[in-house]
Amino acid sequence: MVVAPAELTIFIRGKQEPIHPLQIGSG
């Protein structure tokens, strides 16, 4: 799977932070 660096950063941050990565990706 090819994922852009921005997507990875948001996904990782979402895991670390209480915010769900799904909600961030949805926006």
PDB file of N, CA and C in Angstrom:
ATOM      1  N   MET A   1       0.848  -1.212   0.000  1.00  0.00           N
ATOM      2  CA  MET A   1       0.000   0.000   0.000  1.00  0.00           C
ATOM      3  C   MET A   1       0.880   1.257   0.000  1.00  0.00           C
ATOM      4  N   VAL A   2       0.572   2.187  -0.888  1.00  0.00           N
ATOM      5  CA  VAL A   2       1.346   3.431  -0.954  1.00  0.00           C
ATOM      6  C   VAL A   2       0.575   4.536  -0.232  1.00  0.00           C
ATOM      7  N   VAL A   3       1.194   5.057   0.823  1.00  0.00           N
ATOM      8  CA  VAL A   3       0.524   6.118   1.586  1.00  0.00           C
ATOM      9  C   VAL A   3       1.398   7.362   1.611  1.00  0.00           C
ATOM     10  N   ALA A   4       0.794   8.508   1.399  1.00  0.00           N
ATOM     11  CA  ALA A   4       1.565   9.757   1.386  1.00  0.00           C
ATOM     12  C   ALA A   4       2.103  10.042   2.790  1.00  0.00           C
ATOM     13  N   PRO A   5       3.246  10.728   2.898  1.00  0.00           N
ATOM     14  CA  PRO A   5       3.834  11.042   4.204  1.00  0.00           C
ATOM     15  C   PRO A   5       2.877  11.822   5.099  1.00  0.00           C
ATOM     16  N   ALA A   6       2.103  12.702   4.495  1.00  0.00           N
ATOM     17  CA  ALA A   6       1.141  13.500   5.274  1.00  0.00           C
ATOM     18  C   ALA A   6       0.106  12.568   5.904  1.00  0.00           C
ATOM     19  N   GLU A   7      -0.365  11.601   5.129  1.00  0.00           N
ATOM     20  CA  GLU A   7      -1.367  10.656   5.636  1.00  0.00           C
ATOM     21  C   GLU A   7      -0.789   9.873   6.807  1.00  0.00           C
ATOM     22  N   LEU A   8       0.460   9.425   6.656  1.00  0.00           N
ATOM     23  CA  LEU A   8       1.108   8.650   7.717  1.00  0.00           C
ATOM     24  C   LEU A   8       1.241   9.493   8.979  1.00  0.00           C
ATOM     25  N   THR A   9       1.686  10.742   8.807  1.00  0.00           N
ATOM     26  CA  THR A   9       1.866  11.618   9.968  1.00  0.00           C
ATOM     27  C   THR A   9       0.545  11.806  10.706  1.00  0.00           C
ATOM     28  N   ILE A  10      -0.531  12.061   9.963  1.00  0.00           N
ATOM     29  CA  ILE A  10      -1.850  12.267  10.578  1.00  0.00           C
ATOM     30  C   ILE A  10      -2.288  10.985  11.283  1.00  0.00           C
ATOM     31  N   PHE A  11      -2.057   9.836  10.633  1.00  0.00           N
ATOM     32  CA  PHE A  11      -2.461   8.556  11.220  1.00  0.00           C
ATOM     33  C   PHE A  11      -1.698   8.298  12.515  1.00  0.00           C
ATOM     34  N   ILE A  12      -0.373   8.523  12.484  1.00  0.00           N
ATOM     35  CA  ILE A  12       0.447   8.294  13.682  1.00  0.00           C
ATOM     36  C   ILE A  12       0.030   9.259  14.789  1.00  0.00           C
ATOM     37  N   ARG A  13      -0.153  10.521  14.445  1.00  0.00           N
ATOM     38  CA  ARG A  13      -0.549  11.523  15.453  1.00  0.00           C
ATOM     39  C   ARG A  13      -1.901  11.149  16.042  1.00  0.00           C
ATOM     40  N   GLY A  14      -2.781  10.664  15.199  1.00  0.00           N
ATOM     41  CA  GLY A  14      -4.105  10.270  15.670  1.00  0.00           C
ATOM     42  C   GLY A  14      -3.997   9.141  16.684  1.00  0.00           C
ATOM     43  N   LYS A  15      -3.038   8.240  16.480  1.00  0.00           N
ATOM     44  CA  LYS A  15      -2.861   7.124  17.421  1.00  0.00           C
ATOM     45  C   LYS A  15      -2.296   7.629  18.737  1.00  0.00           C
ATOM     46  N   GLN A  16      -1.349   8.556  18.655  1.00  0.00           N
ATOM     47  CA  GLN A  16      -0.731   9.090  19.869  1.00  0.00           C
ATOM     48  C   GLN A  16      -1.727   9.979  20.620  1.00  0.00           C
ATOM     49  N   GLU A  17      -2.391  10.850  19.890  1.00  0.00           N
ATOM     50  CA  GLU A  17      -3.337  11.774  20.522  1.00  0.00           C
ATOM     51  C   GLU A  17      -4.686  11.093  20.723  1.00  0.00           C
ATOM     52  N   PRO A  18      -5.524  11.619  21.637  1.00  0.00           N
ATOM     53  CA  PRO A  18      -6.831  11.040  21.912  1.00  0.00           C
ATOM     54  C   PRO A  18      -7.787  11.154  20.723  1.00  0.00           C
ATOM     55  N   ILE A  19      -7.398  11.963  19.723  1.00  0.00           N
ATOM     56  CA  ILE A  19      -8.261  12.145  18.554  1.00  0.00           C
ATOM     57  C   ILE A  19      -8.171  10.914  17.662  1.00  0.00           C
ATOM     58  N   HIS A  20      -9.300  10.445  17.161  1.00  0.00           N
ATOM     59  CA  HIS A  20      -9.300   9.254  16.314  1.00  0.00           C
ATOM     60  C   HIS A  20      -8.840   9.608  14.897  1.00  0.00           C
ATOM     61  N   PRO A  21      -7.927   8.825  14.326  1.00  0.00           N
ATOM     62  CA  PRO A  21      -7.423   9.086  12.978  1.00  0.00           C
ATOM     63  C   PRO A  21      -8.541   9.025  11.938  1.00  0.00           C
ATOM     64  N   LEU A  22      -9.578   8.234  12.226  1.00  0.00           N
ATOM     65  CA  LEU A  22     -10.695   8.112  11.283  1.00  0.00           C
ATOM     66  C   LEU A  22     -11.398   9.456  11.131  1.00  0.00           C
ATOM     67  N   GLN A  23     -11.578  10.166  12.255  1.00  0.00           N
ATOM     68  CA  GLN A  23     -12.261  11.456  12.190  1.00  0.00           C
ATOM     69  C   GLN A  23     -11.422  12.460  11.399  1.00  0.00           C
ATOM     70  N   ILE A  24     -10.099  12.430  11.621  1.00  0.00           N
ATOM     71  CA  ILE A  24      -9.218  13.373  10.918  1.00  0.00           C
ATOM     72  C   ILE A  24      -9.241  13.065   9.425  1.00  0.00           C
ATOM     73  N   GLY A  25      -9.152  11.763   9.085  1.00  0.00           N
ATOM     74  CA  GLY A  25      -9.154  11.371   7.678  1.00  0.00           C
ATOM     75  C   GLY A  25     -10.488  11.709   7.024  1.00  0.00           C
ATOM     76  N   SER A  26     -11.565  11.611   7.830  1.00  0.00           N
ATOM     77  CA  SER A  26     -12.902  11.886   7.290  1.00  0.00           C
ATOM     78  C   SER A  26     -13.000  13.352   6.865  1.00  0.00           C
ATOM     79  N   GLY A  27     -12.359  14.222   7.636  1.00  0.00           N
ATOM     80  CA  GLY A  27     -12.433  15.650   7.320  1.00  0.00           C
ATOM     81  C   GLY A  27     -11.690  15.925   6.028  1.00  0.00           C
TER      82      GLY A  27
END
